[in-house]
Amino acid sequence: RLMEELDNIANTTSFNGKQLLSGNFTNQEFQIGESSKQTEIATIGATQTSRIILTRFETGRITSTSGEVPLTFKNYNGIDDFQFQK
C-alpha cells in the first residue's frame, strides 16, 4: 500500500503548475546566466516505485520429513539470488 501511495504522490504532485515526478517534465529550458542565451535544458524521468531497488523479505514455515530443505531467496532483479548451503 505504501508503494502505491508513493506512485500516487509522484503522479499527482506539482510545483508551480508543473508535475516534476510524473515524467511530464521534459525539455524544460532554464536561463542560468545573465544573458538570455545562457540556458540549460532539463528532463526529469518518471519516478516510480518499480524503479527503486527493493529487497523484499518474507517469513514462512517449511516442514520436511527428509530433514533437508533447500532455500533460494530471489533478488528483485532475478539475477543475484541467495542460496543457503549446508
N, C-alpha and C. Protein backbone atom coordinates (compact mmCIF):
# COMPACT_ATOMS: atom_id res chain seq x y z
N ARG A 1 0.82 -1.19 0.00
CA ARG A 1 0.00 0.00 0.00
C ARG A 1 0.87 1.26 0.00
N LEU A 2 1.97 1.22 0.72
CA LEU A 2 2.86 2.37 0.77
C LEU A 2 3.44 2.67 -0.61
N MET A 3 3.82 1.65 -1.35
CA MET A 3 4.38 1.85 -2.69
C MET A 3 3.33 2.49 -3.61
N GLU A 4 2.08 2.07 -3.51
CA GLU A 4 1.01 2.66 -4.31
C GLU A 4 0.86 4.14 -3.99
N GLU A 5 0.96 4.48 -2.72
CA GLU A 5 0.82 5.88 -2.31
C GLU A 5 1.99 6.71 -2.82
N LEU A 6 3.20 6.15 -2.80
CA LEU A 6 4.35 6.88 -3.35
C LEU A 6 4.18 7.14 -4.85
N ASP A 7 3.66 6.16 -5.58
CA ASP A 7 3.39 6.36 -7.01
C ASP A 7 2.32 7.43 -7.21
N ASN A 8 1.30 7.42 -6.36
CA ASN A 8 0.24 8.43 -6.45
C ASN A 8 0.80 9.83 -6.22
N ILE A 9 1.66 9.97 -5.23
CA ILE A 9 2.28 11.27 -4.96
C ILE A 9 3.10 11.73 -6.17
N ALA A 10 3.89 10.83 -6.74
CA ALA A 10 4.72 11.19 -7.90
C ALA A 10 3.87 11.59 -9.09
N ASN A 11 2.72 10.96 -9.27
CA ASN A 11 1.88 11.24 -10.44
C ASN A 11 0.99 12.47 -10.28
N THR A 12 0.74 12.91 -9.06
CA THR A 12 -0.23 13.99 -8.87
C THR A 12 0.36 15.28 -8.31
N THR A 13 1.52 15.24 -7.71
CA THR A 13 2.09 16.42 -7.08
C THR A 13 2.70 17.34 -8.14
N SER A 14 2.43 18.64 -7.98
CA SER A 14 3.01 19.60 -8.92
C SER A 14 3.63 20.76 -8.15
N PHE A 15 4.57 21.42 -8.78
CA PHE A 15 5.21 22.60 -8.22
C PHE A 15 5.11 23.71 -9.25
N ASN A 16 4.50 24.79 -8.88
CA ASN A 16 4.31 25.93 -9.78
C ASN A 16 3.61 25.50 -11.07
N GLY A 17 2.66 24.58 -10.94
CA GLY A 17 1.89 24.13 -12.09
C GLY A 17 2.54 23.06 -12.94
N LYS A 18 3.73 22.63 -12.57
CA LYS A 18 4.44 21.62 -13.36
C LYS A 18 4.61 20.35 -12.53
N GLN A 19 4.28 19.23 -13.14
CA GLN A 19 4.48 17.94 -12.48
C GLN A 19 5.93 17.52 -12.70
N LEU A 20 6.70 17.48 -11.61
CA LEU A 20 8.12 17.20 -11.72
C LEU A 20 8.45 15.72 -11.72
N LEU A 21 7.63 14.89 -11.10
CA LEU A 21 7.98 13.49 -10.90
C LEU A 21 7.18 12.51 -11.75
N SER A 22 6.23 12.99 -12.53
CA SER A 22 5.34 12.10 -13.28
C SER A 22 5.90 11.68 -14.64
N GLY A 23 6.99 12.31 -15.07
CA GLY A 23 7.54 12.02 -16.39
C GLY A 23 7.13 13.06 -17.42
N ASN A 24 6.31 14.02 -17.02
CA ASN A 24 5.86 15.08 -17.94
C ASN A 24 6.80 16.28 -17.97
N PHE A 25 7.81 16.28 -17.13
CA PHE A 25 8.76 17.40 -17.06
C PHE A 25 9.89 17.10 -18.04
N THR A 26 9.68 17.45 -19.31
CA THR A 26 10.66 17.13 -20.35
C THR A 26 11.07 18.37 -21.12
N ASN A 27 12.34 18.43 -21.45
CA ASN A 27 12.92 19.51 -22.26
C ASN A 27 12.53 20.90 -21.76
N GLN A 28 12.66 21.10 -20.46
CA GLN A 28 12.35 22.40 -19.86
C GLN A 28 13.61 23.26 -19.90
N GLU A 29 13.49 24.45 -20.43
CA GLU A 29 14.64 25.33 -20.61
C GLU A 29 14.72 26.33 -19.46
N PHE A 30 15.94 26.48 -18.90
CA PHE A 30 16.19 27.39 -17.80
C PHE A 30 17.28 28.37 -18.19
N GLN A 31 17.07 29.64 -17.87
CA GLN A 31 18.13 30.62 -18.05
C GLN A 31 19.04 30.52 -16.84
N ILE A 32 20.34 30.29 -17.06
CA ILE A 32 21.26 30.08 -15.94
C ILE A 32 22.31 31.19 -15.82
N GLY A 33 22.33 32.10 -16.74
CA GLY A 33 23.31 33.19 -16.69
C GLY A 33 22.62 34.52 -16.90
N GLU A 34 23.43 35.56 -17.03
CA GLU A 34 22.87 36.89 -17.19
C GLU A 34 22.30 37.11 -18.59
N SER A 35 22.79 36.37 -19.55
CA SER A 35 22.33 36.51 -20.93
C SER A 35 21.20 35.52 -21.21
N SER A 36 20.28 35.94 -22.04
CA SER A 36 19.16 35.04 -22.38
C SER A 36 19.64 33.84 -23.20
N LYS A 37 20.87 33.90 -23.71
CA LYS A 37 21.41 32.78 -24.48
C LYS A 37 22.09 31.74 -23.59
N GLN A 38 22.23 32.02 -22.31
CA GLN A 38 22.84 31.08 -21.38
C GLN A 38 21.74 30.24 -20.73
N THR A 39 21.45 29.13 -21.37
CA THR A 39 20.35 28.30 -20.90
C THR A 39 20.78 26.84 -20.78
N GLU A 40 20.02 26.11 -20.03
CA GLU A 40 20.17 24.66 -19.90
C GLU A 40 18.80 24.04 -20.10
N ILE A 41 18.79 22.85 -20.66
CA ILE A 41 17.54 22.11 -20.84
C ILE A 41 17.59 20.89 -19.93
N ALA A 42 16.51 20.69 -19.19
CA ALA A 42 16.46 19.58 -18.22
C ALA A 42 15.23 18.73 -18.44
N THR A 43 15.39 17.45 -18.16
CA THR A 43 14.29 16.49 -18.20
C THR A 43 14.38 15.63 -16.95
N ILE A 44 13.24 15.41 -16.30
CA ILE A 44 13.18 14.50 -15.16
C ILE A 44 12.25 13.36 -15.56
N GLY A 45 12.80 12.17 -15.61
CA GLY A 45 12.00 11.00 -15.98
C GLY A 45 10.99 10.65 -14.90
N ALA A 46 10.08 9.77 -15.25
CA ALA A 46 9.04 9.35 -14.32
C ALA A 46 9.65 8.68 -13.10
N THR A 47 9.15 9.04 -11.95
CA THR A 47 9.58 8.45 -10.69
C THR A 47 8.54 7.42 -10.28
N GLN A 48 8.93 6.17 -10.29
CA GLN A 48 8.01 5.09 -9.95
C GLN A 48 8.68 4.14 -8.98
N THR A 49 7.88 3.57 -8.10
CA THR A 49 8.45 2.64 -7.13
C THR A 49 8.98 1.39 -7.80
N SER A 50 8.52 1.08 -9.00
CA SER A 50 9.03 -0.11 -9.69
C SER A 50 10.48 0.07 -10.11
N ARG A 51 10.97 1.30 -10.09
CA ARG A 51 12.36 1.57 -10.45
C ARG A 51 13.28 1.66 -9.24
N ILE A 52 12.71 1.55 -8.07
CA ILE A 52 13.51 1.60 -6.85
C ILE A 52 14.06 0.21 -6.60
N ILE A 53 15.34 0.14 -6.25
CA ILE A 53 15.91 -1.16 -5.89
C ILE A 53 15.27 -1.58 -4.58
N LEU A 54 14.68 -2.73 -4.60
CA LEU A 54 13.88 -3.16 -3.47
C LEU A 54 14.25 -4.58 -3.08
N THR A 55 14.46 -4.77 -1.82
CA THR A 55 14.65 -6.12 -1.31
C THR A 55 13.45 -6.43 -0.45
N ARG A 56 12.82 -7.54 -0.73
CA ARG A 56 11.61 -7.90 -0.01
C ARG A 56 11.89 -9.17 0.78
N PHE A 57 11.56 -9.13 2.03
CA PHE A 57 11.74 -10.29 2.90
C PHE A 57 10.38 -10.79 3.34
N GLU A 58 10.23 -12.07 3.30
CA GLU A 58 9.01 -12.70 3.80
C GLU A 58 9.42 -13.85 4.70
N THR A 59 8.58 -14.14 5.64
CA THR A 59 8.84 -15.27 6.52
C THR A 59 7.81 -16.35 6.25
N GLY A 60 8.18 -17.55 6.56
CA GLY A 60 7.26 -18.66 6.37
C GLY A 60 7.78 -19.88 7.11
N ARG A 61 7.07 -20.95 7.00
CA ARG A 61 7.46 -22.19 7.67
C ARG A 61 7.51 -23.30 6.63
N ILE A 62 8.58 -24.07 6.69
CA ILE A 62 8.74 -25.21 5.79
C ILE A 62 8.98 -26.44 6.66
N THR A 63 8.24 -27.47 6.40
CA THR A 63 8.42 -28.73 7.13
C THR A 63 8.85 -29.80 6.14
N SER A 64 9.86 -30.56 6.53
CA SER A 64 10.36 -31.61 5.65
C SER A 64 10.57 -32.89 6.47
N THR A 65 10.14 -34.00 5.90
CA THR A 65 10.36 -35.28 6.58
C THR A 65 11.76 -35.81 6.31
N SER A 66 12.41 -35.32 5.26
CA SER A 66 13.75 -35.81 4.94
C SER A 66 14.83 -35.09 5.73
N GLY A 67 14.49 -33.99 6.37
CA GLY A 67 15.47 -33.25 7.15
C GLY A 67 16.25 -32.23 6.34
N GLU A 68 16.06 -32.16 5.04
CA GLU A 68 16.74 -31.19 4.19
C GLU A 68 15.72 -30.34 3.46
N VAL A 69 15.93 -29.06 3.51
CA VAL A 69 15.05 -28.13 2.80
C VAL A 69 15.92 -27.13 2.07
N PRO A 70 16.00 -27.20 0.75
CA PRO A 70 16.77 -26.20 0.01
C PRO A 70 15.98 -24.89 -0.06
N LEU A 71 16.66 -23.80 0.19
CA LEU A 71 16.02 -22.49 0.13
C LEU A 71 16.76 -21.60 -0.84
N THR A 72 16.03 -20.88 -1.66
CA THR A 72 16.61 -19.88 -2.54
C THR A 72 15.80 -18.60 -2.38
N PHE A 73 16.46 -17.51 -2.08
CA PHE A 73 15.80 -16.22 -2.00
C PHE A 73 16.05 -15.49 -3.31
N LYS A 74 14.99 -15.14 -3.99
CA LYS A 74 15.12 -14.45 -5.27
C LYS A 74 15.30 -12.96 -5.03
N ASN A 75 16.31 -12.42 -5.64
CA ASN A 75 16.54 -10.99 -5.58
C ASN A 75 15.59 -10.29 -6.55
N TYR A 76 15.39 -9.01 -6.35
CA TYR A 76 14.46 -8.24 -7.17
C TYR A 76 14.81 -8.31 -8.66
N ASN A 77 16.09 -8.28 -8.97
CA ASN A 77 16.47 -8.27 -10.39
C ASN A 77 16.49 -9.66 -11.00
N GLY A 78 16.26 -10.71 -10.20
CA GLY A 78 16.20 -12.07 -10.72
C GLY A 78 17.55 -12.67 -11.06
N ILE A 79 18.62 -11.94 -10.82
CA ILE A 79 19.96 -12.41 -11.18
C ILE A 79 20.75 -12.80 -9.94
N ASP A 80 20.80 -11.92 -8.98
CA ASP A 80 21.63 -12.13 -7.79
C ASP A 80 20.83 -12.85 -6.71
N ASP A 81 20.56 -14.12 -6.92
CA ASP A 81 19.80 -14.91 -5.96
C ASP A 81 20.70 -15.32 -4.80
N PHE A 82 20.10 -15.61 -3.66
CA PHE A 82 20.82 -16.04 -2.48
C PHE A 82 20.40 -17.46 -2.16
N GLN A 83 21.36 -18.32 -1.89
CA GLN A 83 21.05 -19.70 -1.53
C GLN A 83 21.75 -20.06 -0.24
N PHE A 84 21.06 -20.84 0.60
CA PHE A 84 21.68 -21.38 1.80
C PHE A 84 22.36 -22.68 1.44
N GLN A 85 23.56 -22.85 1.90
CA GLN A 85 24.32 -24.07 1.64
C GLN A 85 24.50 -24.83 2.94
N LYS A 86 24.69 -26.13 2.82
CA LYS A 86 24.96 -26.94 4.01
C LYS A 86 26.37 -26.69 4.48
